[in-house]
PDB file of N, CA and C in Angstrom:
ATOM      1  N   MET A   1      -6.487  27.953 -15.958  1.00  0.00           N
ATOM      2  CA  MET A   1      -6.343  27.401 -14.534  1.00  0.00           C
ATOM      3  C   MET A   1      -7.904  27.589 -14.129  1.00  0.00           C
ATOM      4  N   HIS A   2      -8.217  26.543 -13.641  1.00  0.00           N
ATOM      5  CA  HIS A   2      -9.687  26.439 -13.077  1.00  0.00           C
ATOM      6  C   HIS A   2      -9.773  26.628 -11.830  1.00  0.00           C
ATOM      7  N   VAL A   3     -10.727  27.447 -11.179  1.00  0.00           N
ATOM      8  CA  VAL A   3     -10.936  27.757  -9.746  1.00  0.00           C
ATOM      9  C   VAL A   3     -12.508  26.951  -9.631  1.00  0.00           C
ATOM     10  N   PHE A   4     -12.340  26.055  -8.494  1.00  0.00           N
ATOM     11  CA  PHE A   4     -13.416  25.538  -8.092  1.00  0.00           C
ATOM     12  C   PHE A   4     -14.052  26.427  -7.190  1.00  0.00           C
ATOM     13  N   VAL A   5     -15.192  26.940  -7.525  1.00  0.00           N
ATOM     14  CA  VAL A   5     -16.010  27.804  -6.472  1.00  0.00           C
ATOM     15  C   VAL A   5     -16.926  27.216  -5.533  1.00  0.00           C
ATOM     16  N   GLY A   6     -17.564  26.106  -5.822  1.00  0.00           N
ATOM     17  CA  GLY A   6     -18.431  25.218  -5.146  1.00  0.00           C
ATOM     18  C   GLY A   6     -19.537  25.144  -5.896  1.00  0.00           C
ATOM     19  N   ALA A   7     -19.839  23.740  -5.710  1.00  0.00           N
ATOM     20  CA  ALA A   7     -21.163  23.523  -6.366  1.00  0.00           C
ATOM     21  C   ALA A   7     -21.966  22.507  -5.553  1.00  0.00           C
ATOM     22  N   ALA A   8     -23.495  22.526  -5.527  1.00  0.00           N
ATOM     23  CA  ALA A   8     -23.989  21.545  -4.802  1.00  0.00           C
ATOM     24  C   ALA A   8     -23.404  20.107  -4.986  1.00  0.00           C
ATOM     25  N   PRO A   9     -23.194  19.368  -4.066  1.00  0.00           N
ATOM     26  CA  PRO A   9     -22.665  18.036  -4.178  1.00  0.00           C
ATOM     27  C   PRO A   9     -23.917  16.868  -4.703  1.00  0.00           C
ATOM     28  N   ARG A  10     -23.309  16.178  -5.484  1.00  0.00           N
ATOM     29  CA  ARG A  10     -24.392  15.464  -6.475  1.00  0.00           C
ATOM     30  C   ARG A  10     -24.862  14.189  -5.177  1.00  0.00           C
ATOM     31  N   TYR A  11     -24.120  13.910  -4.162  1.00  0.00           N
ATOM     32  CA  TYR A  11     -24.441  12.757  -3.369  1.00  0.00           C
ATOM     33  C   TYR A  11     -24.261  13.229  -1.942  1.00  0.00           C
ATOM     34  N   SER A  12     -25.069  12.775  -1.116  1.00  0.00           N
ATOM     35  CA  SER A  12     -24.913  13.150   0.464  1.00  0.00           C
ATOM     36  C   SER A  12     -23.710  12.412   0.685  1.00  0.00           C
ATOM     37  N   PRO A  13     -22.872  12.632   1.952  1.00  0.00           N
ATOM     38  CA  PRO A  13     -22.060  11.835   2.760  1.00  0.00           C
ATOM     39  C   PRO A  13     -22.771  10.313   2.801  1.00  0.00           C
ATOM     40  N   SER A  14     -23.831  10.439   3.473  1.00  0.00           N
ATOM     41  CA  SER A  14     -24.533   9.010   3.733  1.00  0.00           C
ATOM     42  C   SER A  14     -24.484   8.111   2.494  1.00  0.00           C
ATOM     43  N   ARG A  15     -25.147   8.793   1.348  1.00  0.00           N
ATOM     44  CA  ARG A  15     -25.153   8.177   0.287  1.00  0.00           C
ATOM     45  C   ARG A  15     -24.011   7.557  -0.234  1.00  0.00           C
ATOM     46  N   VAL A  16     -22.878   8.405  -0.128  1.00  0.00           N
ATOM     47  CA  VAL A  16     -21.548   7.975  -0.923  1.00  0.00           C
ATOM     48  C   VAL A  16     -21.022   6.787   0.235  1.00  0.00           C
ATOM     49  N   MET A  17     -21.253   6.681   1.460  1.00  0.00           N
ATOM     50  CA  MET A  17     -20.979   5.619   2.260  1.00  0.00           C
ATOM     51  C   MET A  17     -21.692   4.431   1.982  1.00  0.00           C
ATOM     52  N   GLN A  18     -22.996   4.427   1.759  1.00  0.00           N
ATOM     53  CA  GLN A  18     -23.786   3.241   1.273  1.00  0.00           C
ATOM     54  C   GLN A  18     -23.527   2.831  -0.132  1.00  0.00           C
ATOM     55  N   ILE A  19     -23.010   3.726  -1.088  1.00  0.00           N
ATOM     56  CA  ILE A  19     -22.253   3.177  -2.215  1.00  0.00           C
ATOM     57  C   ILE A  19     -21.113   2.189  -2.039  1.00  0.00           C
ATOM     58  N   ILE A  20     -20.269   2.885  -1.281  1.00  0.00           N
ATOM     59  CA  ILE A  20     -18.996   2.317  -0.917  1.00  0.00           C
ATOM     60  C   ILE A  20     -19.259   0.861  -0.386  1.00  0.00           C
ATOM     61  N   LYS A  21     -20.057   0.813   0.585  1.00  0.00           N
ATOM     62  CA  LYS A  21     -20.350  -0.423   1.466  1.00  0.00           C
ATOM     63  C   LYS A  21     -21.033  -1.462   0.439  1.00  0.00           C
ATOM     64  N   SER A  22     -21.912  -0.917  -0.478  1.00  0.00           N
ATOM     65  CA  SER A  22     -22.198  -1.908  -1.476  1.00  0.00           C
ATOM     66  C   SER A  22     -21.419  -2.509  -2.556  1.00  0.00           C
ATOM     67  N   ILE A  23     -20.674  -1.545  -3.154  1.00  0.00           N
ATOM     68  CA  ILE A  23     -19.840  -2.151  -3.982  1.00  0.00           C
ATOM     69  C   ILE A  23     -18.579  -3.001  -3.460  1.00  0.00           C
ATOM     70  N   THR A  24     -17.953  -2.450  -2.123  1.00  0.00           N
ATOM     71  CA  THR A  24     -16.883  -3.488  -1.513  1.00  0.00           C
ATOM     72  C   THR A  24     -17.415  -4.857  -1.077  1.00  0.00           C
ATOM     73  N   ALA A  25     -18.703  -4.707  -0.595  1.00  0.00           N
ATOM     74  CA  ALA A  25     -19.485  -6.059  -0.274  1.00  0.00           C
ATOM     75  C   ALA A  25     -19.485  -6.980  -1.425  1.00  0.00           C
ATOM     76  N   ARG A  26     -19.783  -6.372  -2.254  1.00  0.00           N
ATOM     77  CA  ARG A  26     -20.157  -7.222  -3.745  1.00  0.00           C
ATOM     78  C   ARG A  26     -19.096  -7.696  -4.505  1.00  0.00           C
ATOM     79  N   GLU A  27     -17.814  -7.073  -4.429  1.00  0.00           N
ATOM     80  CA  GLU A  27     -16.332  -7.301  -4.733  1.00  0.00           C
ATOM     81  C   GLU A  27     -15.927  -8.522  -3.737  1.00  0.00           C
ATOM     82  N   PHE A  28     -15.976  -8.211  -2.462  1.00  0.00           N
ATOM     83  CA  PHE A  28     -15.575  -9.211  -1.358  1.00  0.00           C
ATOM     84  C   PHE A  28     -16.269 -10.590  -1.744  1.00  0.00           C
ATOM     85  N   PHE A  29     -17.447 -10.540  -1.890  1.00  0.00           N
ATOM     86  CA  PHE A  29     -18.096 -11.709  -2.025  1.00  0.00           C
ATOM     87  C   PHE A  29     -17.879 -12.423  -3.652  1.00  0.00           C
ATOM     88  N   LYS A  30     -17.431 -11.468  -4.351  1.00  0.00           N
ATOM     89  CA  LYS A  30     -17.136 -12.145  -5.625  1.00  0.00           C
ATOM     90  C   LYS A  30     -15.851 -12.811  -5.611  1.00  0.00           C
ATOM     91  N   GLN A  31     -14.726 -12.318  -4.855  1.00  0.00           N
ATOM     92  CA  GLN A  31     -13.565 -13.034  -4.582  1.00  0.00           C
ATOM     93  C   GLN A  31     -13.478 -14.301  -3.574  1.00  0.00           C
ATOM     94  N   PHE A  32     -14.346 -13.904  -2.471  1.00  0.00           N
ATOM     95  CA  PHE A  32     -14.357 -14.919  -1.480  1.00  0.00           C
ATOM     96  C   PHE A  32     -15.614 -15.318  -1.076  1.00  0.00           C
ATOM     97  N   PRO A  33     -16.487 -16.166  -2.094  1.00  0.00           N
ATOM     98  CA  PRO A  33     -17.840 -16.568  -1.887  1.00  0.00           C
ATOM     99  C   PRO A  33     -17.919 -17.279  -0.535  1.00  0.00           C
ATOM    100  N   GLU A  34     -16.820 -18.131  -0.030  1.00  0.00           N
ATOM    101  CA  GLU A  34     -17.218 -18.997   1.006  1.00  0.00           C
ATOM    102  C   GLU A  34     -17.180 -18.118   2.385  1.00  0.00           C
ATOM    103  N   ILE A  35     -16.776 -16.783   2.301  1.00  0.00           N
ATOM    104  CA  ILE A  35     -17.167 -15.935   3.352  1.00  0.00           C
ATOM    105  C   ILE A  35     -18.605 -15.941   3.646  1.00  0.00           C
ATOM    106  N   LYS A  36     -19.428 -15.843   2.651  1.00  0.00           N
ATOM    107  CA  LYS A  36     -20.803 -15.530   2.868  1.00  0.00           C
ATOM    108  C   LYS A  36     -21.351 -16.369   3.732  1.00  0.00           C
ATOM    109  N   LYS A  37     -21.009 -17.612   3.806  1.00  0.00           N
ATOM    110  CA  LYS A  37     -21.672 -18.620   4.617  1.00  0.00           C
ATOM    111  C   LYS A  37     -21.315 -18.382   6.096  1.00  0.00           C
ATOM    112  N   GLN A  38     -20.486 -17.926   6.560  1.00  0.00           N
ATOM    113  CA  GLN A  38     -19.880 -17.649   7.701  1.00  0.00           C
ATOM    114  C   GLN A  38     -20.377 -16.438   8.300  1.00  0.00           C
ATOM    115  N   LEU A  39     -21.080 -15.348   7.468  1.00  0.00           N
ATOM    116  CA  LEU A  39     -21.523 -14.191   8.167  1.00  0.00           C
ATOM    117  C   LEU A  39     -22.975 -14.338   8.558  1.00  0.00           C
ATOM    118  N   TRP A  40     -23.486 -13.485   9.743  1.00  0.00           N
ATOM    119  CA  TRP A  40     -24.796 -13.510  10.153  1.00  0.00           C
ATOM    120  C   TRP A  40     -25.715 -12.921   9.188  1.00  0.00           C
ATOM    121  N   GLY A  41     -26.659 -13.767   8.407  1.00  0.00           N
ATOM    122  CA  GLY A  41     -27.523 -13.231   7.338  1.00  0.00           C
ATOM    123  C   GLY A  41     -26.736 -12.751   6.143  1.00  0.00           C
ATOM    124  N   SER A  42     -25.669 -13.204   5.851  1.00  0.00           N
ATOM    125  CA  SER A  42     -24.913 -12.955   4.853  1.00  0.00           C
ATOM    126  C   SER A  42     -24.626 -11.597   4.376  1.00  0.00           C
ATOM    127  N   GLU A  43     -24.513 -10.695   5.594  1.00  0.00           N
ATOM    128  CA  GLU A  43     -24.420  -9.407   5.395  1.00  0.00           C
ATOM    129  C   GLU A  43     -22.899  -8.987   5.709  1.00  0.00           C
ATOM    130  N   PHE A  44     -22.190  -8.349   5.091  1.00  0.00           N
ATOM    131  CA  PHE A  44     -20.831  -8.208   5.125  1.00  0.00           C
ATOM    132  C   PHE A  44     -20.718  -6.714   6.046  1.00  0.00           C
ATOM    133  N   TRP A  45     -21.634  -5.805   6.049  1.00  0.00           N
ATOM    134  CA  TRP A  45     -21.294  -4.599   6.699  1.00  0.00           C
ATOM    135  C   TRP A  45     -22.417  -4.653   7.928  1.00  0.00           C
ATOM    136  N   SER A  46     -22.208  -3.978   8.988  1.00  0.00           N
ATOM    137  CA  SER A  46     -23.259  -3.846   9.621  1.00  0.00           C
ATOM    138  C   SER A  46     -24.242  -2.401   9.261  1.00  0.00           C
ATOM    139  N   ASP A  47     -25.516  -2.423   9.923  1.00  0.00           N
ATOM    140  CA  ASP A  47     -26.252  -1.334   9.539  1.00  0.00           C
ATOM    141  C   ASP A  47     -25.715   0.225   9.584  1.00  0.00           C
ATOM    142  N   GLY A  48     -25.027   0.196  10.714  1.00  0.00           N
ATOM    143  CA  GLY A  48     -24.468   1.497  11.291  1.00  0.00           C
ATOM    144  C   GLY A  48     -23.170   2.053  10.499  1.00  0.00           C
ATOM    145  N   GLY A  49     -22.795   3.258  10.781  1.00  0.00           N
ATOM    146  CA  GLY A  49     -22.009   3.976  10.055  1.00  0.00           C
ATOM    147  C   GLY A  49     -21.444   5.309  10.838  1.00  0.00           C
ATOM    148  N   TYR A  50     -20.314   6.025  10.334  1.00  0.00           N
ATOM    149  CA  TYR A  50     -19.995   6.979  10.747  1.00  0.00           C
ATOM    150  C   TYR A  50     -19.381   7.918   9.411  1.00  0.00           C
ATOM    151  N   ILE A  51     -20.216   9.213   9.512  1.00  0.00           N
ATOM    152  CA  ILE A  51     -19.595  10.060   8.306  1.00  0.00           C
ATOM    153  C   ILE A  51     -19.188  11.309   8.860  1.00  0.00           C
ATOM    154  N   GLY A  52     -17.962  11.842   8.669  1.00  0.00           N
ATOM    155  CA  GLY A  52     -17.167  12.996   8.991  1.00  0.00           C
ATOM    156  C   GLY A  52     -17.067  13.653   7.817  1.00  0.00           C
ATOM    157  N   THR A  53     -17.275  14.900   7.920  1.00  0.00           N
ATOM    158  CA  THR A  53     -16.569  15.774   6.645  1.00  0.00           C
ATOM    159  C   THR A  53     -15.472  16.680   7.291  1.00  0.00           C
ATOM    160  N   VAL A  54     -14.865  17.168   6.288  1.00  0.00           N
ATOM    161  CA  VAL A  54     -13.685  18.010   6.510  1.00  0.00           C
ATOM    162  C   VAL A  54     -14.143  19.269   7.514  1.00  0.00           C
ATOM    163  N   GLY A  55     -15.383  20.004   7.296  1.00  0.00           N
ATOM    164  CA  GLY A  55     -15.725  20.879   8.022  1.00  0.00           C
ATOM    165  C   GLY A  55     -16.074  20.552   9.494  1.00  0.00           C
ATOM    166  N   ASP A  56     -16.152  19.335   9.848  1.00  0.00           N
ATOM    167  CA  ASP A  56     -16.398  18.654  11.122  1.00  0.00           C
ATOM    168  C   ASP A  56     -15.111  18.736  12.144  1.00  0.00           C
ATOM    169  N   GLY A  57     -14.090  18.779  11.443  1.00  0.00           N
ATOM    170  CA  GLY A  57     -12.915  18.940  12.216  1.00  0.00           C
ATOM    171  C   GLY A  57     -12.468  17.583  12.789  1.00  0.00           C
ATOM    172  N   ILE A  58     -12.785  16.412  12.260  1.00  0.00           N
ATOM    173  CA  ILE A  58     -12.818  15.033  12.432  1.00  0.00           C
ATOM    174  C   ILE A  58     -11.370  14.863  12.745  1.00  0.00           C
ATOM    175  N   MET A  59     -10.700  14.081  13.804  1.00  0.00           N
ATOM    176  CA  MET A  59      -9.203  13.594  13.904  1.00  0.00           C
ATOM    177  C   MET A  59      -9.561  12.364  14.043  1.00  0.00           C
ATOM    178  N   SER A  60      -8.184  11.732  13.662  1.00  0.00           N
ATOM    179  CA  SER A  60      -8.338  10.229  13.645  1.00  0.00           C
ATOM    180  C   SER A  60      -8.728   9.698  14.960  1.00  0.00           C
ATOM    181  N   ASP A  61      -8.242  10.304  16.163  1.00  0.00           N
ATOM    182  CA  ASP A  61      -8.576   9.904  17.346  1.00  0.00           C
ATOM    183  C   ASP A  61     -10.052   9.197  17.919  1.00  0.00           C
ATOM    184  N   ILE A  62     -10.766  10.503  16.970  1.00  0.00           N
ATOM    185  CA  ILE A  62     -12.212  10.647  17.246  1.00  0.00           C
ATOM    186  C   ILE A  62     -12.781   9.234  16.339  1.00  0.00           C
ATOM    187  N   ILE A  63     -12.195   8.968  15.304  1.00  0.00           N
ATOM    188  CA  ILE A  63     -12.642   8.043  14.280  1.00  0.00           C
ATOM    189  C   ILE A  63     -12.482   6.605  15.058  1.00  0.00           C
ATOM    190  N   ARG A  64     -11.109   6.389  15.526  1.00  0.00           N
ATOM    191  CA  ARG A  64     -10.552   5.280  16.035  1.00  0.00           C
ATOM    192  C   ARG A  64     -11.452   4.833  17.282  1.00  0.00           C
ATOM    193  N   ASN A  65     -11.788   6.101  18.171  1.00  0.00           N
ATOM    194  CA  ASN A  65     -12.481   5.747  19.367  1.00  0.00           C
ATOM    195  C   ASN A  65     -13.897   5.162  19.081  1.00  0.00           C
ATOM    196  N   TYR A  66     -14.700   5.554  18.087  1.00  0.00           N
ATOM    197  CA  TYR A  66     -15.726   5.546  17.202  1.00  0.00           C
ATOM    198  C   TYR A  66     -15.704   4.008  17.092  1.00  0.00           C
ATOM    199  N   VAL A  67     -14.905   3.381  16.221  1.00  0.00           N
ATOM    200  CA  VAL A  67     -14.809   2.032  15.836  1.00  0.00           C
ATOM    201  C   VAL A  67     -14.648   1.125  16.981  1.00  0.00           C
ATOM    202  N   GLU A  68     -13.686   1.550  17.767  1.00  0.00           N
ATOM    203  CA  GLU A  68     -13.288   0.415  18.807  1.00  0.00           C
ATOM    204  C   GLU A  68     -14.419   0.551  20.146  1.00  0.00           C
ATOM    205  N   THR A  69     -15.409   1.374  20.085  1.00  0.00           N
ATOM    206  CA  THR A  69     -16.414   1.474  21.156  1.00  0.00           C
ATOM    207  C   THR A  69     -17.631   0.647  20.350  1.00  0.00           C
ATOM    208  N   GLN A  70     -17.787   0.003  19.261  1.00  0.00           N
ATOM    209  CA  GLN A  70     -18.717  -0.401  18.600  1.00  0.00           C
ATOM    210  C   GLN A  70     -18.818  -1.838  19.167  1.00  0.00           C
ATOM    211  N   GLY A  71     -20.099  -2.400  19.470  1.00  0.00           N
ATOM    212  CA  GLY A  71     -20.383  -3.751  19.732  1.00  0.00           C
ATOM    213  C   GLY A  71     -20.112  -3.915  21.266  1.00  0.00           C
ATOM    214  N   THR A  72     -20.571  -5.015  22.013  1.00  0.00           N
ATOM    215  CA  THR A  72     -20.343  -5.484  23.073  1.00  0.00           C
ATOM    216  C   THR A  72     -19.014  -6.214  23.250  1.00  0.00           C
ATOM    217  N   PRO A  73     -18.518  -6.451  24.584  1.00  0.00           N
ATOM    218  CA  PRO A  73     -17.168  -7.361  24.648  1.00  0.00           C
ATOM    219  C   PRO A  73     -17.427  -8.689  23.956  1.00  0.00           C
ATOM    220  N   GLU A  74     -18.565  -9.273  24.149  1.00  0.00           N
ATOM    221  CA  GLU A  74     -18.860 -10.569  23.873  1.00  0.00           C
ATOM    222  C   GLU A  74     -18.955 -10.469  22.249  1.00  0.00           C
ATOM    223  N   GLU A  75     -19.381  -9.516  21.666  1.00  0.00           N
ATOM    224  CA  GLU A  75     -19.520  -9.376  19.973  1.00  0.00           C
ATOM    225  C   GLU A  75     -18.100  -9.182  19.548  1.00  0.00           C
ATOM    226  N   LYS A  76     -17.282  -8.314  20.426  1.00  0.00           N
ATOM    227  CA  LYS A  76     -15.990  -8.222  19.712  1.00  0.00           C
ATOM    228  C   LYS A  76     -15.019  -9.544  20.123  1.00  0.00           C
ATOM    229  N   GLU A  77     -15.488 -10.075  20.932  1.00  0.00           N
ATOM    230  CA  GLU A  77     -14.517 -11.600  21.059  1.00  0.00           C
ATOM    231  C   GLU A  77     -14.887 -12.397  20.102  1.00  0.00           C
ATOM    232  N   GLY A  78     -16.268 -12.860  19.737  1.00  0.00           N
ATOM    233  CA  GLY A  78     -16.892 -13.485  19.062  1.00  0.00           C
ATOM    234  C   GLY A  78     -16.619 -13.349  17.343  1.00  0.00           C
ATOM    235  N   TYR A  79     -16.460 -11.942  17.034  1.00  0.00           N
ATOM    236  CA  TYR A  79     -16.106 -11.427  15.803  1.00  0.00           C
ATOM    237  C   TYR A  79     -15.112 -10.785  15.690  1.00  0.00           C
ATOM    238  N   LYS A  80     -13.827 -11.317  15.856  1.00  0.00           N
ATOM    239  CA  LYS A  80     -12.535 -10.516  15.700  1.00  0.00           C
ATOM    240  C   LYS A  80     -12.438  -9.737  14.211  1.00  0.00           C
ATOM    241  N   GLN A  81     -11.888  -8.699  14.281  1.00  0.00           N
ATOM    242  CA  GLN A  81     -11.681  -7.865  12.804  1.00  0.00           C
ATOM    243  C   GLN A  81     -10.941  -8.990  12.058  1.00  0.00           C
ATOM    244  N   MET A  82     -11.363  -9.081  10.713  1.00  0.00           N
ATOM    245  CA  MET A  82     -10.230  -9.653   9.929  1.00  0.00           C
ATOM    246  C   MET A  82      -9.262  -8.581   9.373  1.00  0.00           C
ATOM    247  N   ASN A  83      -8.465  -9.326   9.129  1.00  0.00           N
ATOM    248  CA  ASN A  83      -7.215  -8.518   8.491  1.00  0.00           C
ATOM    249  C   ASN A  83      -7.070  -8.796   7.253  1.00  0.00           C
ATOM    250  N   LEU A  84      -6.994  -7.933   6.220  1.00  0.00           N
ATOM    251  CA  LEU A  84      -7.147  -7.978   4.813  1.00  0.00           C
ATOM    252  C   LEU A  84      -5.620  -8.854   4.226  1.00  0.00           C
ATOM    253  N   LEU A  85      -4.639  -8.579   5.265  1.00  0.00           N
ATOM    254  CA  LEU A  85      -3.499  -9.094   4.976  1.00  0.00           C
ATOM    255  C   LEU A  85      -3.566 -10.789   5.153  1.00  0.00           C
ATOM    256  N   GLU A  86      -4.560 -11.268   5.969  1.00  0.00           N
ATOM    257  CA  GLU A  86      -4.845 -12.723   5.858  1.00  0.00           C
ATOM    258  C   GLU A  86      -5.240 -13.387   4.720  1.00  0.00           C
ATOM    259  N   PHE A  87      -5.780 -12.774   3.638  1.00  0.00           N
ATOM    260  CA  PHE A  87      -6.367 -13.251   2.520  1.00  0.00           C
ATOM    261  C   PHE A  87      -5.244 -13.061   1.274  1.00  0.00           C
ATOM    262  N   GLU A  88      -3.915 -12.636   1.614  1.00  0.00           N
ATOM    263  CA  GLU A  88      -2.891 -12.598   0.561  1.00  0.00           C
ATOM    264  C   GLU A  88      -2.529 -14.095   0.373  1.00  0.00           C
TER     265      GLU A  88
END
């Protein structure tokens, strides 16, 4: 039996998010290259982000509120969230 006592994390939460965003954008553009032309500056992800750790006591409603309050009403109307099911 192994007991994890705790070690210093290799990557910070923000670095993990940066890696995830990079990999997912690269893979998405590989599968759907035509999408890149439709994006502002060919950027898949916005510069911002949100990181919450278990110790922060983050609840799903806090995350949902953060996502829903991003952008102006005009931006939200102009750039509706894509649904991954649309690509099936």
